[in-house]
C-alpha atoms as a PDB file:
ATOM      1  CA  MET A   1      33.888 -10.991  36.697  1.00  0.00           C
ATOM      2  CA  ARG A   2      32.535 -14.864  37.081  1.00  0.00           C
ATOM      3  CA  ILE A   3      30.570 -17.018  35.453  1.00  0.00           C
ATOM      4  CA  THR A   4      27.870 -19.195  37.466  1.00  0.00           C
ATOM      5  CA  SER A   5      27.408 -22.891  37.230  1.00  0.00           C
ATOM      6  CA  LYS A   6      24.804 -22.198  34.822  1.00  0.00           C
ATOM      7  CA  GLY A   7      27.129 -20.115  32.238  1.00  0.00           C
ATOM      8  CA  GLN A   8      25.315 -16.579  33.803  1.00  0.00           C
ATOM      9  CA  VAL A   9      27.201 -13.685  33.031  1.00  0.00           C
ATOM     10  CA  THR A  10      26.317 -10.168  34.870  1.00  0.00           C
ATOM     11  CA  ILE A  11      26.388  -7.401  32.191  1.00  0.00           C
ATOM     12  CA  PRO A  12      27.586  -4.101  33.089  1.00  0.00           C
ATOM     13  CA  LEU A  13      25.585  -1.263  33.745  1.00  0.00           C
ATOM     14  CA  GLU A  14      27.195   1.135  31.699  1.00  0.00           C
ATOM     15  CA  ILE A  15      27.635  -1.521  28.660  1.00  0.00           C
ATOM     16  CA  ARG A  16      23.349  -2.416  29.042  1.00  0.00           C
ATOM     17  CA  ASP A  17      22.644   1.372  28.958  1.00  0.00           C
ATOM     18  CA  LYS A  18      24.654   1.967  26.093  1.00  0.00           C
ATOM     19  CA  LEU A  19      22.884  -0.776  24.043  1.00  0.00           C
ATOM     20  CA  GLY A  20      19.361  -0.324  25.429  1.00  0.00           C
ATOM     21  CA  LEU A  21      19.723  -3.611  27.207  1.00  0.00           C
ATOM     22  CA  LYS A  22      16.627  -4.199  29.655  1.00  0.00           C
ATOM     23  CA  ALA A  23      15.589  -7.074  31.442  1.00  0.00           C
ATOM     24  CA  SER A  24      13.830  -8.775  28.569  1.00  0.00           C
ATOM     25  CA  SER A  25      16.391  -7.761  25.494  1.00  0.00           C
ATOM     26  CA  GLU A  26      17.268  -9.855  23.077  1.00  0.00           C
ATOM     27  CA  VAL A  27      21.475 -10.561  22.318  1.00  0.00           C
ATOM     28  CA  GLU A  28      23.174 -12.589  20.375  1.00  0.00           C
ATOM     29  CA  PHE A  29      26.986 -14.119  20.545  1.00  0.00           C
ATOM     30  CA  GLU A  30      29.636 -14.409  18.178  1.00  0.00           C
ATOM     31  CA  LEU A  31      32.422 -15.218  18.632  1.00  0.00           C
ATOM     32  CA  LEU A  32      35.083 -13.803  16.754  1.00  0.00           C
ATOM     33  CA  PRO A  33      38.385 -15.138  14.574  1.00  0.00           C
ATOM     34  CA  ASP A  34      40.318 -13.575  17.066  1.00  0.00           C
ATOM     35  CA  GLY A  35      39.254 -15.606  20.235  1.00  0.00           C
ATOM     36  CA  LYS A  36      37.031 -12.732  20.721  1.00  0.00           C
ATOM     37  CA  VAL A  37      33.263 -12.248  21.929  1.00  0.00           C
ATOM     38  CA  CYS A  38      30.770  -9.691  20.252  1.00  0.00           C
ATOM     39  CA  LEU A  39      27.643  -9.719  22.226  1.00  0.00           C
ATOM     40  CA  THR A  40      24.915  -7.405  19.921  1.00  0.00           C
ATOM     41  CA  ARG A  41      21.846  -6.193  20.635  1.00  0.00           C
ATOM     42  CA  VAL A  42      18.817  -8.546  19.066  1.00  0.00           C
ATOM     43  CA  ASP A  43      15.668  -6.714  17.519  1.00  0.00           C
ATOM     44  CA  LYS A  44      12.277  -8.195  18.484  1.00  0.00           C
ATOM     45  CA  PRO A  45      10.824  -7.554  14.605  1.00  0.00           C
ATOM     46  CA  ALA A  46      13.760  -8.152  12.575  1.00  0.00           C
ATOM     47  CA  ARG A  47      14.180 -11.628  14.338  1.00  0.00           C
ATOM     48  CA  ARG A  48      10.844 -12.383  14.472  1.00  0.00           C
ATOM     49  CA  SER A  49      10.881 -11.797  10.108  1.00  0.00           C
ATOM     50  CA  ALA A  50      14.293 -13.871   9.908  1.00  0.00           C
ATOM     51  CA  LEU A  51      12.249 -16.344  11.207  1.00  0.00           C
ATOM     52  CA  VAL A  52       9.217 -16.013   9.294  1.00  0.00           C
ATOM     53  CA  LYS A  53      11.415 -16.275   6.401  1.00  0.00           C
ATOM     54  CA  LYS A  54      13.212 -19.233   7.153  1.00  0.00           C
ATOM     55  CA  MET A  55       9.745 -20.996   7.598  1.00  0.00           C
ATOM     56  CA  LYS A  56       8.408 -19.715   4.943  1.00  0.00           C
ATOM     57  CA  GLY A  57       7.640 -23.075   2.110  1.00  0.00           C
ATOM     58  CA  ARG A  58       7.861 -25.167   5.302  1.00  0.00           C
ATOM     59  CA  THR A  59       4.425 -27.006   5.186  1.00  0.00           C
ATOM     60  CA  THR A  60       4.490 -30.262   4.816  1.00  0.00           C
ATOM     61  CA  THR A  61      -0.084 -29.784   4.626  1.00  0.00           C
ATOM     62  CA  ARG A  62      -2.965 -28.824   2.823  1.00  0.00           C
ATOM     63  CA  LEU A  63      -4.811 -27.501   5.412  1.00  0.00           C
ATOM     64  CA  SER A  64      -6.393 -24.816   5.003  1.00  0.00           C
ATOM     65  CA  THR A  65      -6.114 -21.388   7.911  1.00  0.00           C
ATOM     66  CA  ASP A  66      -9.402 -22.386   9.525  1.00  0.00           C
ATOM     67  CA  GLU A  67      -8.779 -26.160   9.372  1.00  0.00           C
ATOM     68  CA  ILE A  68      -5.300 -25.584  10.981  1.00  0.00           C
ATOM     69  CA  MET A  69      -6.538 -22.758  13.537  1.00  0.00           C
ATOM     70  CA  LYS A  70      -9.710 -25.398  14.467  1.00  0.00           C
ATOM     71  CA  LEU A  71      -6.060 -28.399  15.689  1.00  0.00           C
ATOM     72  CA  THR A  72      -5.022 -25.410  17.333  1.00  0.00           C
ATOM     73  CA  ARG A  73      -7.490 -24.712  19.864  1.00  0.00           C
ATOM     74  CA  GLY A  74      -9.226 -28.122  20.118  1.00  0.00           C
END
C-alpha cells in the first residue's frame, strides 16, 4: 500500500466494513510504543460532548446567549 503525496492511504474494504466506516466517518490515529499505528472509529456524539466539556467555562465575555446570537447572525 502506498501513501499519496498528500499523506493519504486507502483503508481496505474489509477493515472499513468491520469498523463500520463510511465516507463521512471520523477516525483517530494513535502511535503505539512498538511503532505500530492504531486506527479507531470515533463516534461523533462522543467527540462533540468531549469538545463541549473541554470548552465549558472558557468564555472571557459576559454576554448573554441572546447577545451572542445577535452578534453571530449579524
